[in-house]
Amino acid sequence: MNALSFTGELGPDQAVSIREKLAHALSLPRPRLEIDLSEVTALHLGIVNVIVTATREAEARLGSVYVVVAPDTEARHTLSRVGIVATVRP
């Protein structure tokens, strides 16, 4: 499983860079990817869109994406509002 970790505030200006990192990880057959957002303090909806797109691409390639967040963070609340179920890591 490939793992990518992000920290701090993830804003719209980082979407392209994050998309490129995810695309590289998803280029394998049957990709399995963990996106660790447990150190993310703020998450822009543009980044959420990148995560949703990556998840759909992985599923189309018979793979999976797991999103990890810290409890009671803005990132967790943002993801849950748009229907993304994330694993909570204390």
PDB file of N, CA and C in Angstrom:
ATOM      1  N   MET A   1       0.845  -1.172   0.000  1.00  0.00           N
ATOM      2  CA  MET A   1       0.000   0.000   0.000  1.00  0.00           C
ATOM      3  C   MET A   1       0.889   1.234   0.000  1.00  0.00           C
ATOM      4  N   ASN A   2       0.579   2.171  -0.882  1.00  0.00           N
ATOM      5  CA  ASN A   2       1.256   3.462  -0.898  1.00  0.00           C
ATOM      6  C   ASN A   2       0.612   4.361   0.146  1.00  0.00           C
ATOM      7  N   ALA A   3       1.409   5.179   0.787  1.00  0.00           N
ATOM      8  CA  ALA A   3       0.885   6.106   1.784  1.00  0.00           C
ATOM      9  C   ALA A   3       1.414   7.504   1.502  1.00  0.00           C
ATOM     10  N   LEU A   4       0.516   8.456   1.571  1.00  0.00           N
ATOM     11  CA  LEU A   4       0.867   9.863   1.423  1.00  0.00           C
ATOM     12  C   LEU A   4       0.357  10.601   2.646  1.00  0.00           C
ATOM     13  N   SER A   5       1.203  11.432   3.233  1.00  0.00           N
ATOM     14  CA  SER A   5       0.822  12.209   4.414  1.00  0.00           C
ATOM     15  C   SER A   5       0.890  13.689   4.084  1.00  0.00           C
ATOM     16  N   PHE A   6      -0.050  14.429   4.639  1.00  0.00           N
ATOM     17  CA  PHE A   6      -0.088  15.874   4.447  1.00  0.00           C
ATOM     18  C   PHE A   6      -0.255  16.541   5.801  1.00  0.00           C
ATOM     19  N   THR A   7       0.230  17.770   5.926  1.00  0.00           N
ATOM     20  CA  THR A   7       0.147  18.501   7.185  1.00  0.00           C
ATOM     21  C   THR A   7      -0.294  19.942   6.937  1.00  0.00           C
ATOM     22  N   GLY A   8      -0.758  20.566   7.994  1.00  0.00           N
ATOM     23  CA  GLY A   8      -1.110  21.988   7.945  1.00  0.00           C
ATOM     24  C   GLY A   8      -2.398  22.260   7.206  1.00  0.00           C
ATOM     25  N   GLU A   9      -2.469  23.431   6.618  1.00  0.00           N
ATOM     26  CA  GLU A   9      -3.647  23.849   5.859  1.00  0.00           C
ATOM     27  C   GLU A   9      -3.474  23.441   4.402  1.00  0.00           C
ATOM     28  N   LEU A  10      -4.470  22.757   3.866  1.00  0.00           N
ATOM     29  CA  LEU A  10      -4.446  22.368   2.455  1.00  0.00           C
ATOM     30  C   LEU A  10      -5.452  23.235   1.714  1.00  0.00           C
ATOM     31  N   GLY A  11      -4.922  24.188   0.957  1.00  0.00           N
ATOM     32  CA  GLY A  11      -5.759  25.132   0.240  1.00  0.00           C
ATOM     33  C   GLY A  11      -5.788  24.854  -1.246  1.00  0.00           C
ATOM     34  N   PRO A  12      -6.542  25.655  -1.983  1.00  0.00           N
ATOM     35  CA  PRO A  12      -6.722  25.425  -3.416  1.00  0.00           C
ATOM     36  C   PRO A  12      -5.426  25.529  -4.214  1.00  0.00           C
ATOM     37  N   ASP A  13      -4.467  26.297  -3.722  1.00  0.00           N
ATOM     38  CA  ASP A  13      -3.205  26.439  -4.445  1.00  0.00           C
ATOM     39  C   ASP A  13      -2.354  25.169  -4.388  1.00  0.00           C
ATOM     40  N   GLN A  14      -2.709  24.212  -3.548  1.00  0.00           N
ATOM     41  CA  GLN A  14      -1.975  22.962  -3.447  1.00  0.00           C
ATOM     42  C   GLN A  14      -2.651  21.818  -4.201  1.00  0.00           C
ATOM     43  N   ALA A  15      -3.796  22.077  -4.785  1.00  0.00           N
ATOM     44  CA  ALA A  15      -4.572  21.023  -5.444  1.00  0.00           C
ATOM     45  C   ALA A  15      -3.793  20.344  -6.571  1.00  0.00           C
ATOM     46  N   VAL A  16      -3.112  21.107  -7.385  1.00  0.00           N
ATOM     47  CA  VAL A  16      -2.385  20.526  -8.518  1.00  0.00           C
ATOM     48  C   VAL A  16      -1.275  19.607  -8.018  1.00  0.00           C
ATOM     49  N   SER A  17      -0.519  20.061  -7.051  1.00  0.00           N
ATOM     50  CA  SER A  17       0.572  19.265  -6.494  1.00  0.00           C
ATOM     51  C   SER A  17       0.054  17.968  -5.865  1.00  0.00           C
ATOM     52  N   ILE A  18      -1.012  18.068  -5.114  1.00  0.00           N
ATOM     53  CA  ILE A  18      -1.593  16.878  -4.475  1.00  0.00           C
ATOM     54  C   ILE A  18      -2.160  15.935  -5.524  1.00  0.00           C
ATOM     55  N   ARG A  19      -2.809  16.491  -6.535  1.00  0.00           N
ATOM     56  CA  ARG A  19      -3.353  15.667  -7.624  1.00  0.00           C
ATOM     57  C   ARG A  19      -2.236  14.881  -8.310  1.00  0.00           C
ATOM     58  N   GLU A  20      -1.101  15.531  -8.543  1.00  0.00           N
ATOM     59  CA  GLU A  20       0.037  14.854  -9.182  1.00  0.00           C
ATOM     60  C   GLU A  20       0.582  13.727  -8.307  1.00  0.00           C
ATOM     61  N   LYS A  21       0.695  13.955  -7.013  1.00  0.00           N
ATOM     62  CA  LYS A  21       1.176  12.915  -6.103  1.00  0.00           C
ATOM     63  C   LYS A  21       0.222  11.728  -6.081  1.00  0.00           C
ATOM     64  N   LEU A  22      -1.071  11.999  -6.048  1.00  0.00           N
ATOM     65  CA  LEU A  22      -2.064  10.924  -6.038  1.00  0.00           C
ATOM     66  C   LEU A  22      -2.061  10.178  -7.369  1.00  0.00           C
ATOM     67  N   ALA A  23      -1.926  10.898  -8.479  1.00  0.00           N
ATOM     68  CA  ALA A  23      -1.914  10.259  -9.795  1.00  0.00           C
ATOM     69  C   ALA A  23      -0.755   9.288  -9.915  1.00  0.00           C
ATOM     70  N   HIS A  24       0.391   9.664  -9.399  1.00  0.00           N
ATOM     71  CA  HIS A  24       1.545   8.769  -9.433  1.00  0.00           C
ATOM     72  C   HIS A  24       1.255   7.492  -8.639  1.00  0.00           C
ATOM     73  N   ALA A  25       0.701   7.648  -7.463  1.00  0.00           N
ATOM     74  CA  ALA A  25       0.388   6.490  -6.621  1.00  0.00           C
ATOM     75  C   ALA A  25      -0.708   5.619  -7.233  1.00  0.00           C
ATOM     76  N   LEU A  26      -1.601   6.214  -7.991  1.00  0.00           N
ATOM     77  CA  LEU A  26      -2.719   5.481  -8.585  1.00  0.00           C
ATOM     78  C   LEU A  26      -2.380   4.875  -9.943  1.00  0.00           C
ATOM     79  N   SER A  27      -1.158   5.084 -10.423  1.00  0.00           N
ATOM     80  CA  SER A  27      -0.793   4.580 -11.741  1.00  0.00           C
ATOM     81  C   SER A  27      -0.541   3.071 -11.753  1.00  0.00           C
ATOM     82  N   LEU A  28      -0.418   2.469 -10.600  1.00  0.00           N
ATOM     83  CA  LEU A  28      -0.199   1.026 -10.509  1.00  0.00           C
ATOM     84  C   LEU A  28      -1.499   0.266 -10.730  1.00  0.00           C
ATOM     85  N   PRO A  29      -1.413  -0.990 -11.200  1.00  0.00           N
ATOM     86  CA  PRO A  29      -2.635  -1.795 -11.290  1.00  0.00           C
ATOM     87  C   PRO A  29      -3.162  -2.083  -9.885  1.00  0.00           C
ATOM     88  N   ARG A  30      -4.460  -2.070  -9.730  1.00  0.00           N
ATOM     89  CA  ARG A  30      -5.122  -2.318  -8.438  1.00  0.00           C
ATOM     90  C   ARG A  30      -4.493  -1.495  -7.310  1.00  0.00           C
ATOM     91  N   PRO A  31      -4.482  -0.179  -7.484  1.00  0.00           N
ATOM     92  CA  PRO A  31      -3.788   0.673  -6.504  1.00  0.00           C
ATOM     93  C   PRO A  31      -4.466   0.654  -5.128  1.00  0.00           C
ATOM     94  N   ARG A  32      -3.651   0.621  -4.102  1.00  0.00           N
ATOM     95  CA  ARG A  32      -4.124   0.760  -2.726  1.00  0.00           C
ATOM     96  C   ARG A  32      -3.370   1.938  -2.139  1.00  0.00           C
ATOM     97  N   LEU A  33      -4.106   2.912  -1.662  1.00  0.00           N
ATOM     98  CA  LEU A  33      -3.503   4.161  -1.225  1.00  0.00           C
ATOM     99  C   LEU A  33      -4.096   4.606   0.100  1.00  0.00           C
ATOM    100  N   GLU A  34      -3.230   5.028   1.008  1.00  0.00           N
ATOM    101  CA  GLU A  34      -3.667   5.641   2.254  1.00  0.00           C
ATOM    102  C   GLU A  34      -3.309   7.114   2.190  1.00  0.00           C
ATOM    103  N   ILE A  35      -4.297   7.963   2.404  1.00  0.00           N
ATOM    104  CA  ILE A  35      -4.083   9.405   2.448  1.00  0.00           C
ATOM    105  C   ILE A  35      -4.220   9.820   3.909  1.00  0.00           C
ATOM    106  N   ASP A  36      -3.105  10.176   4.513  1.00  0.00           N
ATOM    107  CA  ASP A  36      -3.086  10.526   5.931  1.00  0.00           C
ATOM    108  C   ASP A  36      -3.251  12.028   6.089  1.00  0.00           C
ATOM    109  N   LEU A  37      -4.402  12.418   6.612  1.00  0.00           N
ATOM    110  CA  LEU A  37      -4.706  13.828   6.859  1.00  0.00           C
ATOM    111  C   LEU A  37      -4.760  14.113   8.356  1.00  0.00           C
ATOM    112  N   SER A  38      -4.195  13.231   9.163  1.00  0.00           N
ATOM    113  CA  SER A  38      -4.310  13.373  10.618  1.00  0.00           C
ATOM    114  C   SER A  38      -3.589  14.611  11.156  1.00  0.00           C
ATOM    115  N   GLU A  39      -2.695  15.190  10.374  1.00  0.00           N
ATOM    116  CA  GLU A  39      -1.994  16.413  10.787  1.00  0.00           C
ATOM    117  C   GLU A  39      -2.490  17.643  10.022  1.00  0.00           C
ATOM    118  N   VAL A  40      -3.601  17.498   9.314  1.00  0.00           N
ATOM    119  CA  VAL A  40      -4.159  18.609   8.539  1.00  0.00           C
ATOM    120  C   VAL A  40      -5.083  19.426   9.422  1.00  0.00           C
ATOM    121  N   THR A  41      -4.881  20.727   9.420  1.00  0.00           N
ATOM    122  CA  THR A  41      -5.697  21.605  10.261  1.00  0.00           C
ATOM    123  C   THR A  41      -6.884  22.201   9.516  1.00  0.00           C
ATOM    124  N   ALA A  42      -6.758  22.421   8.216  1.00  0.00           N
ATOM    125  CA  ALA A  42      -7.842  22.971   7.409  1.00  0.00           C
ATOM    126  C   ALA A  42      -7.801  22.330   6.036  1.00  0.00           C
ATOM    127  N   LEU A  43      -8.980  22.060   5.484  1.00  0.00           N
ATOM    128  CA  LEU A  43      -9.087  21.332   4.225  1.00  0.00           C
ATOM    129  C   LEU A  43     -10.060  22.048   3.299  1.00  0.00           C
ATOM    130  N   HIS A  44      -9.539  22.592   2.203  1.00  0.00           N
ATOM    131  CA  HIS A  44     -10.365  23.299   1.222  1.00  0.00           C
ATOM    132  C   HIS A  44     -11.171  22.297   0.404  1.00  0.00           C
ATOM    133  N   LEU A  45     -12.351  22.695  -0.028  1.00  0.00           N
ATOM    134  CA  LEU A  45     -13.201  21.795  -0.811  1.00  0.00           C
ATOM    135  C   LEU A  45     -12.566  21.378  -2.132  1.00  0.00           C
ATOM    136  N   GLY A  46     -11.652  22.178  -2.661  1.00  0.00           N
ATOM    137  CA  GLY A  46     -10.927  21.782  -3.868  1.00  0.00           C
ATOM    138  C   GLY A  46     -10.077  20.548  -3.631  1.00  0.00           C
ATOM    139  N   ILE A  47      -9.517  20.432  -2.452  1.00  0.00           N
ATOM    140  CA  ILE A  47      -8.727  19.258  -2.094  1.00  0.00           C
ATOM    141  C   ILE A  47      -9.648  18.057  -1.900  1.00  0.00           C
ATOM    142  N   VAL A  48     -10.807  18.298  -1.325  1.00  0.00           N
ATOM    143  CA  VAL A  48     -11.792  17.216  -1.175  1.00  0.00           C
ATOM    144  C   VAL A  48     -12.150  16.665  -2.544  1.00  0.00           C
ATOM    145  N   ASN A  49     -12.330  17.536  -3.522  1.00  0.00           N
ATOM    146  CA  ASN A  49     -12.635  17.105  -4.884  1.00  0.00           C
ATOM    147  C   ASN A  49     -11.515  16.230  -5.445  1.00  0.00           C
ATOM    148  N   VAL A  50     -10.267  16.586  -5.169  1.00  0.00           N
ATOM    149  CA  VAL A  50      -9.117  15.790  -5.621  1.00  0.00           C
ATOM    150  C   VAL A  50      -9.179  14.399  -4.985  1.00  0.00           C
ATOM    151  N   ILE A  51      -9.520  14.330  -3.711  1.00  0.00           N
ATOM    152  CA  ILE A  51      -9.615  13.041  -3.011  1.00  0.00           C
ATOM    153  C   ILE A  51     -10.751  12.195  -3.568  1.00  0.00           C
ATOM    154  N   VAL A  52     -11.887  12.815  -3.828  1.00  0.00           N
ATOM    155  CA  VAL A  52     -13.031  12.084  -4.403  1.00  0.00           C
ATOM    156  C   VAL A  52     -12.660  11.529  -5.773  1.00  0.00           C
ATOM    157  N   THR A  53     -12.022  12.329  -6.599  1.00  0.00           N
ATOM    158  CA  THR A  53     -11.604  11.892  -7.924  1.00  0.00           C
ATOM    159  C   THR A  53     -10.616  10.737  -7.834  1.00  0.00           C
ATOM    160  N   ALA A  54      -9.661  10.833  -6.914  1.00  0.00           N
ATOM    161  CA  ALA A  54      -8.680   9.757  -6.731  1.00  0.00           C
ATOM    162  C   ALA A  54      -9.355   8.474  -6.275  1.00  0.00           C
ATOM    163  N   THR A  55     -10.320   8.595  -5.389  1.00  0.00           N
ATOM    164  CA  THR A  55     -11.048   7.418  -4.903  1.00  0.00           C
ATOM    165  C   THR A  55     -11.800   6.731  -6.038  1.00  0.00           C
ATOM    166  N   ARG A  56     -12.453   7.517  -6.863  1.00  0.00           N
ATOM    167  CA  ARG A  56     -13.199   6.946  -8.003  1.00  0.00           C
ATOM    168  C   ARG A  56     -12.250   6.279  -8.996  1.00  0.00           C
ATOM    169  N   GLU A  57     -11.114   6.902  -9.240  1.00  0.00           N
ATOM    170  CA  GLU A  57     -10.137   6.324 -10.168  1.00  0.00           C
ATOM    171  C   GLU A  57      -9.590   5.006  -9.618  1.00  0.00           C
ATOM    172  N   ALA A  58      -9.276   4.978  -8.338  1.00  0.00           N
ATOM    173  CA  ALA A  58      -8.769   3.739  -7.728  1.00  0.00           C
ATOM    174  C   ALA A  58      -9.807   2.626  -7.829  1.00  0.00           C
ATOM    175  N   GLU A  59     -11.053   2.942  -7.539  1.00  0.00           N
ATOM    176  CA  GLU A  59     -12.113   1.938  -7.612  1.00  0.00           C
ATOM    177  C   GLU A  59     -12.307   1.435  -9.035  1.00  0.00           C
ATOM    178  N   ALA A  60     -12.172   2.317 -10.012  1.00  0.00           N
ATOM    179  CA  ALA A  60     -12.300   1.911 -11.412  1.00  0.00           C
ATOM    180  C   ALA A  60     -11.173   0.967 -11.814  1.00  0.00           C
ATOM    181  N   ARG A  61     -10.037   1.076 -11.136  1.00  0.00           N
ATOM    182  CA  ARG A  61      -8.884   0.213 -11.408  1.00  0.00           C
ATOM    183  C   ARG A  61      -8.824  -0.956 -10.421  1.00  0.00           C
ATOM    184  N   LEU A  62      -9.955  -1.230  -9.761  1.00  0.00           N
ATOM    185  CA  LEU A  62     -10.085  -2.321  -8.782  1.00  0.00           C
ATOM    186  C   LEU A  62      -9.172  -2.132  -7.570  1.00  0.00           C
ATOM    187  N   GLY A  63      -8.934  -0.881  -7.205  1.00  0.00           N
ATOM    188  CA  GLY A  63      -8.122  -0.567  -6.038  1.00  0.00           C
ATOM    189  C   GLY A  63      -8.937   0.124  -4.969  1.00  0.00           C
ATOM    190  N   SER A  64      -8.249   0.774  -4.051  1.00  0.00           N
ATOM    191  CA  SER A  64      -8.950   1.446  -2.958  1.00  0.00           C
ATOM    192  C   SER A  64      -8.121   2.602  -2.419  1.00  0.00           C
ATOM    193  N   VAL A  65      -8.826   3.539  -1.813  1.00  0.00           N
ATOM    194  CA  VAL A  65      -8.201   4.673  -1.147  1.00  0.00           C
ATOM    195  C   VAL A  65      -8.758   4.728   0.266  1.00  0.00           C
ATOM    196  N   TYR A  66      -7.873   4.835   1.239  1.00  0.00           N
ATOM    197  CA  TYR A  66      -8.258   4.998   2.636  1.00  0.00           C
ATOM    198  C   TYR A  66      -7.818   6.373   3.081  1.00  0.00           C
ATOM    199  N   VAL A  67      -8.720   7.086   3.731  1.00  0.00           N
ATOM    200  CA  VAL A  67      -8.415   8.422   4.227  1.00  0.00           C
ATOM    201  C   VAL A  67      -8.364   8.348   5.747  1.00  0.00           C
ATOM    202  N   VAL A  68      -7.294   8.886   6.313  1.00  0.00           N
ATOM    203  CA  VAL A  68      -7.101   8.876   7.763  1.00  0.00           C
ATOM    204  C   VAL A  68      -7.127  10.319   8.257  1.00  0.00           C
ATOM    205  N   VAL A  69      -7.921  10.561   9.294  1.00  0.00           N
ATOM    206  CA  VAL A  69      -8.011  11.901   9.886  1.00  0.00           C
ATOM    207  C   VAL A  69      -7.926  11.799  11.404  1.00  0.00           C
ATOM    208  N   ALA A  70      -7.664  12.923  12.046  1.00  0.00           N
ATOM    209  CA  ALA A  70      -7.702  12.997  13.498  1.00  0.00           C
ATOM    210  C   ALA A  70      -9.144  13.332  13.913  1.00  0.00           C
ATOM    211  N   PRO A  71      -9.553  12.887  15.095  1.00  0.00           N
ATOM    212  CA  PRO A  71     -10.916  13.180  15.542  1.00  0.00           C
ATOM    213  C   PRO A  71     -11.098  14.674  15.818  1.00  0.00           C
ATOM    214  N   ASP A  72     -12.325  15.125  15.666  1.00  0.00           N
ATOM    215  CA  ASP A  72     -12.699  16.499  16.003  1.00  0.00           C
ATOM    216  C   ASP A  72     -11.828  17.553  15.351  1.00  0.00           C
ATOM    217  N   THR A  73     -11.509  17.357  14.080  1.00  0.00           N
ATOM    218  CA  THR A  73     -10.767  18.361  13.327  1.00  0.00           C
ATOM    219  C   THR A  73     -11.642  18.903  12.207  1.00  0.00           C
ATOM    220  N   GLU A  74     -11.267  20.048  11.702  1.00  0.00           N
ATOM    221  CA  GLU A  74     -12.009  20.626  10.580  1.00  0.00           C
ATOM    222  C   GLU A  74     -11.966  19.694   9.376  1.00  0.00           C
ATOM    223  N   ALA A  75     -10.815  19.053   9.155  1.00  0.00           N
ATOM    224  CA  ALA A  75     -10.686  18.138   8.021  1.00  0.00           C
ATOM    225  C   ALA A  75     -11.701  17.000   8.131  1.00  0.00           C
ATOM    226  N   ARG A  76     -11.836  16.414   9.306  1.00  0.00           N
ATOM    227  CA  ARG A  76     -12.790  15.318   9.494  1.00  0.00           C
ATOM    228  C   ARG A  76     -14.217  15.798   9.251  1.00  0.00           C
ATOM    229  N   HIS A  77     -14.560  16.957   9.788  1.00  0.00           N
ATOM    230  CA  HIS A  77     -15.915  17.486   9.617  1.00  0.00           C
ATOM    231  C   HIS A  77     -16.205  17.826   8.159  1.00  0.00           C
ATOM    232  N   THR A  78     -15.214  18.377   7.462  1.00  0.00           N
ATOM    233  CA  THR A  78     -15.398  18.698   6.047  1.00  0.00           C
ATOM    234  C   THR A  78     -15.638  17.428   5.235  1.00  0.00           C
ATOM    235  N   LEU A  79     -14.833  16.405   5.469  1.00  0.00           N
ATOM    236  CA  LEU A  79     -14.994  15.146   4.735  1.00  0.00           C
ATOM    237  C   LEU A  79     -16.334  14.495   5.035  1.00  0.00           C
ATOM    238  N   SER A  80     -16.745  14.499   6.288  1.00  0.00           N
ATOM    239  CA  SER A  80     -18.017  13.854   6.629  1.00  0.00           C
ATOM    240  C   SER A  80     -19.203  14.610   6.036  1.00  0.00           C
ATOM    241  N   ARG A  81     -19.083  15.937   5.902  1.00  0.00           N
ATOM    242  CA  ARG A  81     -20.175  16.720   5.299  1.00  0.00           C
ATOM    243  C   ARG A  81     -20.404  16.366   3.844  1.00  0.00           C
ATOM    244  N   VAL A  82     -19.347  15.945   3.152  1.00  0.00           N
ATOM    245  CA  VAL A  82     -19.501  15.596   1.742  1.00  0.00           C
ATOM    246  C   VAL A  82     -19.625  14.093   1.528  1.00  0.00           C
ATOM    247  N   GLY A  83     -19.728  13.344   2.614  1.00  0.00           N
ATOM    248  CA  GLY A  83     -19.999  11.916   2.514  1.00  0.00           C
ATOM    249  C   GLY A  83     -18.804  11.004   2.417  1.00  0.00           C
ATOM    250  N   ILE A  84     -17.604  11.517   2.718  1.00  0.00           N
ATOM    251  CA  ILE A  84     -16.420  10.678   2.709  1.00  0.00           C
ATOM    252  C   ILE A  84     -16.224  10.105   4.101  1.00  0.00           C
ATOM    253  N   VAL A  85     -16.216   8.803   4.180  1.00  0.00           N
ATOM    254  CA  VAL A  85     -15.980   8.145   5.460  1.00  0.00           C
ATOM    255  C   VAL A  85     -14.482   7.977   5.623  1.00  0.00           C
ATOM    256  N   ALA A  86     -13.949   8.501   6.701  1.00  0.00           N
ATOM    257  CA  ALA A  86     -12.516   8.444   6.947  1.00  0.00           C
ATOM    258  C   ALA A  86     -12.252   7.656   8.223  1.00  0.00           C
ATOM    259  N   THR A  87     -11.129   6.992   8.238  1.00  0.00           N
ATOM    260  CA  THR A  87     -10.681   6.305   9.437  1.00  0.00           C
ATOM    261  C   THR A  87     -10.138   7.347  10.402  1.00  0.00           C
ATOM    262  N   VAL A  88     -10.582   7.281  11.646  1.00  0.00           N
ATOM    263  CA  VAL A  88     -10.130   8.241  12.638  1.00  0.00           C
ATOM    264  C   VAL A  88      -8.949   7.653  13.392  1.00  0.00           C
ATOM    265  N   ARG A  89      -7.866   8.391  13.386  1.00  0.00           N
ATOM    266  CA  ARG A  89      -6.671   7.986  14.120  1.00  0.00           C
ATOM    267  C   ARG A  89      -6.466   8.966  15.261  1.00  0.00           C
ATOM    268  N   PRO A  90      -6.421   8.455  16.492  1.00  0.00           N
ATOM    269  CA  PRO A  90      -6.245   9.357  17.657  1.00  0.00           C
ATOM    270  C   PRO A  90      -4.911  10.064  17.646  1.00  0.00           C
TER     271      PRO A  90
END
